[in-house]
Amino acid sequence: MNNSSPDLSTSLSLSAAADASHKRKTPEMSSAAAAKAVVNVAAISGSLRRASFNRGLLRAATKICKESIPGMKIEYVEIGELPFLNTDLEVGGRFPNEVEVFRKKIAEADAFLFASPEYNYSVTAPLKNAIDWASRAPNAWADKAAAILSTGGGFGGGRSQYHLRQIGVYIDLHFINKPEFLLNAFQPPAKFDSDGNLLDEDAQEKIKEVLLALQAFTLRLKEPC
């Protein structure tokens, strides 16, 4: 004879099914969670010139982000005040004040957006210096996403991008592969005004595509394994 109560068995089965349904993540739930997540991006220019075209790319990216990309925030991080890397400046396990502030901003960022002209087939000296300071142990760049914008003559700063990607391999920085953004600044019609502000609408749309790819890749990297 079966002494179990049919009503109790049915109730337990329904409760277990409801609990499983509650725990199961649907695509809609995942999308909603991603929409609420905020990706904090540190933007870094390899050029220190005030009217730099590459700084202009980052200003354009910041504006685009504010106006049309929810869930992403870009903060410009200055590197012009950093001293040349010199380990003699590391005293008592601490870095110089300017370096400590910079490293903290890098450590707190979820992702990075670089813009650098090409100097002698490479990135600029100020950018390399900043990368080296933040890579001192503990490495503040590690396991984060990044994207690159560049502009200049000819190849539009392309070789600086390729060298930056090579640097990223060793410091465990993960660059998006596509889309790429390389802009010839001197090919008509005018791409920038006299203050270095981006005028070209096609370029602005391409920057938006880069930002969306960076946002998606960053969220993927932040997902628990």
C-alpha atoms as a PDB file:
ATOM      1  CA  MET A   1       0.000   0.000   0.000  1.00  0.00           C
ATOM      2  CA  ASN A   2       1.328   3.433  -0.911  1.00  0.00           C
ATOM      3  CA  ASN A   3       1.110   5.745   2.121  1.00  0.00           C
ATOM      4  CA  SER A   4       2.394   8.893   0.375  1.00  0.00           C
ATOM      5  CA  SER A   5      -0.088  11.679  -0.175  1.00  0.00           C
ATOM      6  CA  PRO A   6      -0.814  12.430  -3.865  1.00  0.00           C
ATOM      7  CA  ASP A   7      -1.343  16.086  -3.009  1.00  0.00           C
ATOM      8  CA  LEU A   8       1.984  16.323  -1.201  1.00  0.00           C
ATOM      9  CA  SER A   9       3.874  14.604  -4.065  1.00  0.00           C
ATOM     10  CA  THR A  10       2.317  16.899  -6.631  1.00  0.00           C
ATOM     11  CA  SER A  11       3.137  19.952  -4.519  1.00  0.00           C
ATOM     12  CA  LEU A  12       6.780  18.936  -4.132  1.00  0.00           C
ATOM     13  CA  SER A  13       7.134  18.304  -7.896  1.00  0.00           C
ATOM     14  CA  LEU A  14       5.648  21.678  -8.768  1.00  0.00           C
ATOM     15  CA  SER A  15       7.878  23.416  -6.224  1.00  0.00           C
ATOM     16  CA  ALA A  16      11.016  21.796  -7.645  1.00  0.00           C
ATOM     17  CA  ALA A  17      10.017  22.702 -11.205  1.00  0.00           C
ATOM     18  CA  ALA A  18       9.356  26.308 -10.215  1.00  0.00           C
ATOM     19  CA  ASP A  19      12.707  26.535  -8.433  1.00  0.00           C
ATOM     20  CA  ALA A  20      14.557  25.155 -11.484  1.00  0.00           C
ATOM     21  CA  SER A  21      12.715  27.574 -13.734  1.00  0.00           C
ATOM     22  CA  HIS A  22      13.674  30.480 -11.466  1.00  0.00           C
ATOM     23  CA  LYS A  23      17.369  29.553 -11.525  1.00  0.00           C
ATOM     24  CA  ARG A  24      17.530  28.942 -15.268  1.00  0.00           C
ATOM     25  CA  LYS A  25      18.966  31.951 -17.147  1.00  0.00           C
ATOM     26  CA  THR A  26      17.141  32.797 -20.342  1.00  0.00           C
ATOM     27  CA  PRO A  27      18.699  34.880 -23.142  1.00  0.00           C
ATOM     28  CA  GLU A  28      16.293  37.665 -22.269  1.00  0.00           C
ATOM     29  CA  MET A  29      17.441  37.656 -18.640  1.00  0.00           C
ATOM     30  CA  SER A  30      21.103  37.700 -19.704  1.00  0.00           C
ATOM     31  CA  SER A  31      20.479  40.601 -22.059  1.00  0.00           C
ATOM     32  CA  ALA A  32      18.692  42.522 -19.335  1.00  0.00           C
ATOM     33  CA  ALA A  33      21.575  41.943 -16.929  1.00  0.00           C
ATOM     34  CA  ALA A  34      24.090  43.108 -19.549  1.00  0.00           C
ATOM     35  CA  ALA A  35      22.071  46.257 -20.158  1.00  0.00           C
ATOM     36  CA  LYS A  36      22.307  47.154 -16.465  1.00  0.00           C
ATOM     37  CA  ALA A  37      26.076  46.572 -16.314  1.00  0.00           C
ATOM     38  CA  VAL A  38      28.226  49.680 -16.765  1.00  0.00           C
ATOM     39  CA  VAL A  39      31.531  49.321 -18.608  1.00  0.00           C
ATOM     40  CA  ASN A  40      34.021  51.916 -17.377  1.00  0.00           C
ATOM     41  CA  VAL A  41      36.558  52.742 -20.076  1.00  0.00           C
ATOM     42  CA  ALA A  42      39.840  54.591 -19.540  1.00  0.00           C
ATOM     43  CA  ALA A  43      40.750  56.592 -22.669  1.00  0.00           C
ATOM     44  CA  ILE A  44      44.437  57.287 -23.257  1.00  0.00           C
ATOM     45  CA  SER A  45      46.025  59.416 -25.964  1.00  0.00           C
ATOM     46  CA  GLY A  46      49.589  58.833 -27.088  1.00  0.00           C
ATOM     47  CA  SER A  47      49.839  62.468 -28.172  1.00  0.00           C
ATOM     48  CA  LEU A  48      50.297  65.256 -25.614  1.00  0.00           C
ATOM     49  CA  ARG A  49      49.555  68.068 -28.075  1.00  0.00           C
ATOM     50  CA  ARG A  50      46.429  69.961 -27.045  1.00  0.00           C
ATOM     51  CA  ALA A  51      44.935  70.067 -30.562  1.00  0.00           C
ATOM     52  CA  SER A  52      46.053  66.541 -31.383  1.00  0.00           C
ATOM     53  CA  PHE A  53      43.873  64.721 -33.895  1.00  0.00           C
ATOM     54  CA  ASN A  54      44.169  61.556 -31.820  1.00  0.00           C
ATOM     55  CA  ARG A  55      42.885  63.383 -28.753  1.00  0.00           C
ATOM     56  CA  GLY A  56      40.094  64.542 -31.016  1.00  0.00           C
ATOM     57  CA  LEU A  57      39.191  60.920 -31.736  1.00  0.00           C
ATOM     58  CA  LEU A  58      38.843  60.275 -28.016  1.00  0.00           C
ATOM     59  CA  ARG A  59      36.687  63.374 -27.535  1.00  0.00           C
ATOM     60  CA  ALA A  60      34.456  62.156 -30.346  1.00  0.00           C
ATOM     61  CA  ALA A  61      34.275  58.696 -28.772  1.00  0.00           C
ATOM     62  CA  THR A  62      33.301  60.190 -25.416  1.00  0.00           C
ATOM     63  CA  LYS A  63      30.532  62.248 -27.018  1.00  0.00           C
ATOM     64  CA  ILE A  64      29.217  59.277 -29.000  1.00  0.00           C
ATOM     65  CA  CYS A  65      29.229  57.139 -25.870  1.00  0.00           C
ATOM     66  CA  LYS A  66      27.242  59.696 -23.859  1.00  0.00           C
ATOM     67  CA  GLU A  67      24.673  60.207 -26.593  1.00  0.00           C
ATOM     68  CA  SER A  68      24.048  56.736 -27.955  1.00  0.00           C
ATOM     69  CA  ILE A  69      25.666  53.887 -25.984  1.00  0.00           C
ATOM     70  CA  PRO A  70      23.924  53.121 -22.692  1.00  0.00           C
ATOM     71  CA  GLY A  71      25.908  51.071 -20.210  1.00  0.00           C
ATOM     72  CA  MET A  72      29.307  52.521 -21.123  1.00  0.00           C
ATOM     73  CA  LYS A  73      31.230  55.409 -19.594  1.00  0.00           C
ATOM     74  CA  ILE A  74      34.510  56.856 -20.914  1.00  0.00           C
ATOM     75  CA  GLU A  75      36.962  58.799 -18.747  1.00  0.00           C
ATOM     76  CA  TYR A  76      40.003  60.498 -20.267  1.00  0.00           C
ATOM     77  CA  VAL A  77      43.205  59.659 -18.375  1.00  0.00           C
ATOM     78  CA  GLU A  78      46.099  62.106 -18.701  1.00  0.00           C
ATOM     79  CA  ILE A  79      49.635  60.727 -19.051  1.00  0.00           C
ATOM     80  CA  GLY A  80      51.607  63.924 -19.650  1.00  0.00           C
ATOM     81  CA  GLU A  81      52.643  64.373 -15.999  1.00  0.00           C
ATOM     82  CA  LEU A  82      54.114  60.905 -15.568  1.00  0.00           C
ATOM     83  CA  PRO A  83      57.885  60.864 -14.991  1.00  0.00           C
ATOM     84  CA  PHE A  84      60.097  58.715 -17.184  1.00  0.00           C
ATOM     85  CA  LEU A  85      60.099  55.187 -15.843  1.00  0.00           C
ATOM     86  CA  ASN A  86      62.923  54.835 -13.348  1.00  0.00           C
ATOM     87  CA  THR A  87      62.823  52.129 -10.699  1.00  0.00           C
ATOM     88  CA  ASP A  88      64.932  54.346  -8.414  1.00  0.00           C
ATOM     89  CA  LEU A  89      61.710  56.340  -7.955  1.00  0.00           C
ATOM     90  CA  GLU A  90      60.019  53.331  -6.364  1.00  0.00           C
ATOM     91  CA  VAL A  91      60.613  53.808  -2.643  1.00  0.00           C
ATOM     92  CA  GLY A  92      59.290  51.632   0.155  1.00  0.00           C
ATOM     93  CA  GLY A  93      57.084  49.655  -2.201  1.00  0.00           C
ATOM     94  CA  ARG A  94      55.383  52.803  -3.493  1.00  0.00           C
ATOM     95  CA  PHE A  95      55.480  54.658  -6.800  1.00  0.00           C
ATOM     96  CA  PRO A  96      55.698  58.429  -7.298  1.00  0.00           C
ATOM     97  CA  ASN A  97      52.375  60.171  -6.531  1.00  0.00           C
ATOM     98  CA  GLU A  98      51.562  60.845 -10.204  1.00  0.00           C
ATOM     99  CA  VAL A  99      52.166  57.189 -10.989  1.00  0.00           C
ATOM    100  CA  GLU A 100      50.084  55.973  -8.041  1.00  0.00           C
ATOM    101  CA  VAL A 101      47.126  58.071  -9.242  1.00  0.00           C
ATOM    102  CA  PHE A 102      47.527  56.825 -12.800  1.00  0.00           C
ATOM    103  CA  ARG A 103      47.843  53.177 -11.771  1.00  0.00           C
ATOM    104  CA  LYS A 104      44.719  53.457  -9.617  1.00  0.00           C
ATOM    105  CA  LYS A 105      42.677  54.717 -12.602  1.00  0.00           C
ATOM    106  CA  ILE A 106      43.989  51.895 -14.759  1.00  0.00           C
ATOM    107  CA  ALA A 107      43.257  49.285 -12.099  1.00  0.00           C
ATOM    108  CA  GLU A 108      39.690  50.556 -11.639  1.00  0.00           C
ATOM    109  CA  ALA A 109      38.862  50.589 -15.362  1.00  0.00           C
ATOM    110  CA  ASP A 110      37.042  47.699 -17.013  1.00  0.00           C
ATOM    111  CA  ALA A 111      38.501  48.390 -20.446  1.00  0.00           C
ATOM    112  CA  PHE A 112      40.752  50.778 -22.365  1.00  0.00           C
ATOM    113  CA  LEU A 113      40.497  52.916 -25.471  1.00  0.00           C
ATOM    114  CA  PHE A 114      43.824  53.986 -26.962  1.00  0.00           C
ATOM    115  CA  ALA A 115      44.426  56.627 -29.614  1.00  0.00           C
ATOM    116  CA  SER A 116      47.979  57.180 -30.770  1.00  0.00           C
ATOM    117  CA  PRO A 117      49.821  58.578 -33.750  1.00  0.00           C
ATOM    118  CA  GLU A 118      52.586  56.552 -35.340  1.00  0.00           C
ATOM    119  CA  TYR A 119      56.155  57.562 -34.513  1.00  0.00           C
ATOM    120  CA  ASN A 120      58.904  55.669 -36.352  1.00  0.00           C
ATOM    121  CA  TYR A 121      56.712  52.610 -36.988  1.00  0.00           C
ATOM    122  CA  SER A 122      55.714  52.458 -33.318  1.00  0.00           C
ATOM    123  CA  VAL A 123      53.661  54.035 -30.537  1.00  0.00           C
ATOM    124  CA  THR A 124      54.715  57.322 -28.996  1.00  0.00           C
ATOM    125  CA  ALA A 125      57.216  57.568 -26.149  1.00  0.00           C
ATOM    126  CA  PRO A 126      54.672  58.995 -23.660  1.00  0.00           C
ATOM    127  CA  LEU A 127      52.271  56.120 -24.308  1.00  0.00           C
ATOM    128  CA  LYS A 128      54.960  53.451 -23.963  1.00  0.00           C
ATOM    129  CA  ASN A 129      56.098  55.105 -20.726  1.00  0.00           C
ATOM    130  CA  ALA A 130      52.549  55.024 -19.340  1.00  0.00           C
ATOM    131  CA  ILE A 131      52.100  51.382 -20.325  1.00  0.00           C
ATOM    132  CA  ASP A 132      55.357  50.445 -18.629  1.00  0.00           C
ATOM    133  CA  TRP A 133      54.485  52.224 -15.367  1.00  0.00           C
ATOM    134  CA  ALA A 134      51.091  50.502 -15.103  1.00  0.00           C
ATOM    135  CA  SER A 135      52.607  47.117 -15.964  1.00  0.00           C
ATOM    136  CA  ARG A 136      54.945  47.217 -12.967  1.00  0.00           C
ATOM    137  CA  ALA A 137      53.884  44.549 -10.474  1.00  0.00           C
ATOM    138  CA  PRO A 138      51.055  44.160  -9.832  1.00  0.00           C
ATOM    139  CA  ASN A 139      50.202  44.569 -13.515  1.00  0.00           C
ATOM    140  CA  ALA A 140      47.161  46.883 -13.733  1.00  0.00           C
ATOM    141  CA  TRP A 141      46.404  46.059 -17.383  1.00  0.00           C
ATOM    142  CA  ALA A 142      46.002  42.314 -17.063  1.00  0.00           C
ATOM    143  CA  ASP A 143      42.953  40.418 -18.317  1.00  0.00           C
ATOM    144  CA  LYS A 144      41.066  43.458 -19.559  1.00  0.00           C
ATOM    145  CA  ALA A 145      39.678  44.405 -22.955  1.00  0.00           C
ATOM    146  CA  ALA A 146      40.982  47.213 -25.155  1.00  0.00           C
ATOM    147  CA  ALA A 147      40.426  48.901 -28.495  1.00  0.00           C
ATOM    148  CA  ILE A 148      42.546  51.226 -30.627  1.00  0.00           C
ATOM    149  CA  LEU A 149      41.814  54.312 -32.690  1.00  0.00           C
ATOM    150  CA  SER A 150      44.470  56.091 -34.722  1.00  0.00           C
ATOM    151  CA  THR A 151      44.832  58.836 -37.297  1.00  0.00           C
ATOM    152  CA  GLY A 152      47.680  60.402 -39.203  1.00  0.00           C
ATOM    153  CA  GLY A 153      49.107  60.500 -42.683  1.00  0.00           C
ATOM    154  CA  GLY A 154      49.373  57.581 -45.107  1.00  0.00           C
ATOM    155  CA  PHE A 155      48.409  54.426 -43.233  1.00  0.00           C
ATOM    156  CA  GLY A 156      46.530  56.394 -40.574  1.00  0.00           C
ATOM    157  CA  GLY A 157      48.757  55.244 -37.716  1.00  0.00           C
ATOM    158  CA  GLY A 158      48.365  51.568 -38.562  1.00  0.00           C
ATOM    159  CA  ARG A 159      51.880  50.511 -37.609  1.00  0.00           C
ATOM    160  CA  SER A 160      51.473  52.033 -34.153  1.00  0.00           C
ATOM    161  CA  GLN A 161      48.379  49.876 -33.724  1.00  0.00           C
ATOM    162  CA  TYR A 162      50.204  46.701 -34.679  1.00  0.00           C
ATOM    163  CA  HIS A 163      53.062  47.449 -32.276  1.00  0.00           C
ATOM    164  CA  LEU A 164      50.584  48.254 -29.498  1.00  0.00           C
ATOM    165  CA  ARG A 165      48.909  44.892 -30.057  1.00  0.00           C
ATOM    166  CA  GLN A 166      52.307  43.217 -29.753  1.00  0.00           C
ATOM    167  CA  ILE A 167      52.924  44.984 -26.437  1.00  0.00           C
ATOM    168  CA  GLY A 168      49.498  43.863 -25.267  1.00  0.00           C
ATOM    169  CA  VAL A 169      50.449  40.202 -25.671  1.00  0.00           C
ATOM    170  CA  TYR A 170      52.996  40.357 -22.865  1.00  0.00           C
ATOM    171  CA  ILE A 171      50.927  42.452 -20.443  1.00  0.00           C
ATOM    172  CA  ASP A 172      47.833  40.252 -20.942  1.00  0.00           C
ATOM    173  CA  LEU A 173      45.777  43.012 -22.529  1.00  0.00           C
ATOM    174  CA  HIS A 174      43.094  41.685 -24.875  1.00  0.00           C
ATOM    175  CA  PHE A 175      42.380  43.849 -27.929  1.00  0.00           C
ATOM    176  CA  ILE A 176      39.269  43.505 -30.038  1.00  0.00           C
ATOM    177  CA  ASN A 177      40.229  42.357 -33.522  1.00  0.00           C
ATOM    178  CA  LYS A 178      37.418  43.979 -35.465  1.00  0.00           C
ATOM    179  CA  PRO A 179      36.416  46.527 -36.482  1.00  0.00           C
ATOM    180  CA  GLU A 180      39.710  48.341 -37.025  1.00  0.00           C
ATOM    181  CA  PHE A 181      39.822  52.130 -37.126  1.00  0.00           C
ATOM    182  CA  LEU A 182      42.574  53.887 -39.098  1.00  0.00           C
ATOM    183  CA  LEU A 183      41.926  57.363 -40.488  1.00  0.00           C
ATOM    184  CA  ASN A 184      44.017  59.350 -42.974  1.00  0.00           C
ATOM    185  CA  ALA A 185      43.773  62.805 -41.411  1.00  0.00           C
ATOM    186  CA  PHE A 186      44.977  64.703 -44.460  1.00  0.00           C
ATOM    187  CA  GLN A 187      42.890  63.201 -47.229  1.00  0.00           C
ATOM    188  CA  PRO A 188      40.121  65.614 -48.367  1.00  0.00           C
ATOM    189  CA  PRO A 189      37.531  66.473 -47.330  1.00  0.00           C
ATOM    190  CA  ALA A 190      38.780  67.870 -44.011  1.00  0.00           C
ATOM    191  CA  LYS A 191      38.539  65.352 -41.187  1.00  0.00           C
ATOM    192  CA  PHE A 192      39.301  67.718 -38.274  1.00  0.00           C
ATOM    193  CA  ASP A 193      38.926  71.397 -37.445  1.00  0.00           C
ATOM    194  CA  SER A 194      41.776  73.614 -36.213  1.00  0.00           C
ATOM    195  CA  ASP A 195      41.185  72.517 -32.603  1.00  0.00           C
ATOM    196  CA  GLY A 196      41.501  68.848 -33.462  1.00  0.00           C
ATOM    197  CA  ASN A 197      37.789  68.070 -33.265  1.00  0.00           C
ATOM    198  CA  LEU A 198      36.544  65.293 -35.548  1.00  0.00           C
ATOM    199  CA  LEU A 199      34.252  66.508 -38.341  1.00  0.00           C
ATOM    200  CA  ASP A 200      33.889  63.412 -40.495  1.00  0.00           C
ATOM    201  CA  GLU A 201      30.504  61.726 -39.947  1.00  0.00           C
ATOM    202  CA  ASP A 202      31.538  58.407 -41.479  1.00  0.00           C
ATOM    203  CA  ALA A 203      34.464  58.250 -39.062  1.00  0.00           C
ATOM    204  CA  GLN A 204      32.138  58.979 -36.155  1.00  0.00           C
ATOM    205  CA  GLU A 205      29.901  56.077 -37.157  1.00  0.00           C
ATOM    206  CA  LYS A 206      32.926  53.766 -37.360  1.00  0.00           C
ATOM    207  CA  ILE A 207      34.036  54.871 -33.897  1.00  0.00           C
ATOM    208  CA  LYS A 208      30.603  53.920 -32.599  1.00  0.00           C
ATOM    209  CA  GLU A 209      31.047  50.442 -34.080  1.00  0.00           C
ATOM    210  CA  VAL A 210      34.402  50.119 -32.306  1.00  0.00           C
ATOM    211  CA  LEU A 211      32.842  51.181 -28.990  1.00  0.00           C
ATOM    212  CA  LEU A 212      29.986  48.697 -29.316  1.00  0.00           C
ATOM    213  CA  ALA A 213      32.453  45.894 -30.045  1.00  0.00           C
ATOM    214  CA  LEU A 214      34.571  46.931 -27.054  1.00  0.00           C
ATOM    215  CA  GLN A 215      31.516  46.982 -24.803  1.00  0.00           C
ATOM    216  CA  ALA A 216      30.411  43.513 -25.898  1.00  0.00           C
ATOM    217  CA  PHE A 217      33.905  42.022 -25.570  1.00  0.00           C
ATOM    218  CA  THR A 218      34.401  43.541 -22.117  1.00  0.00           C
ATOM    219  CA  LEU A 219      31.161  42.034 -20.863  1.00  0.00           C
ATOM    220  CA  ARG A 220      32.183  38.658 -22.266  1.00  0.00           C
ATOM    221  CA  LEU A 221      35.504  38.789 -20.408  1.00  0.00           C
ATOM    222  CA  LYS A 222      33.742  39.727 -17.185  1.00  0.00           C
ATOM    223  CA  GLU A 223      31.350  36.750 -17.339  1.00  0.00           C
ATOM    224  CA  PRO A 224      32.061  34.111 -14.678  1.00  0.00           C
ATOM    225  CA  CYS A 225      33.564  30.909 -16.042  1.00  0.00           C
END
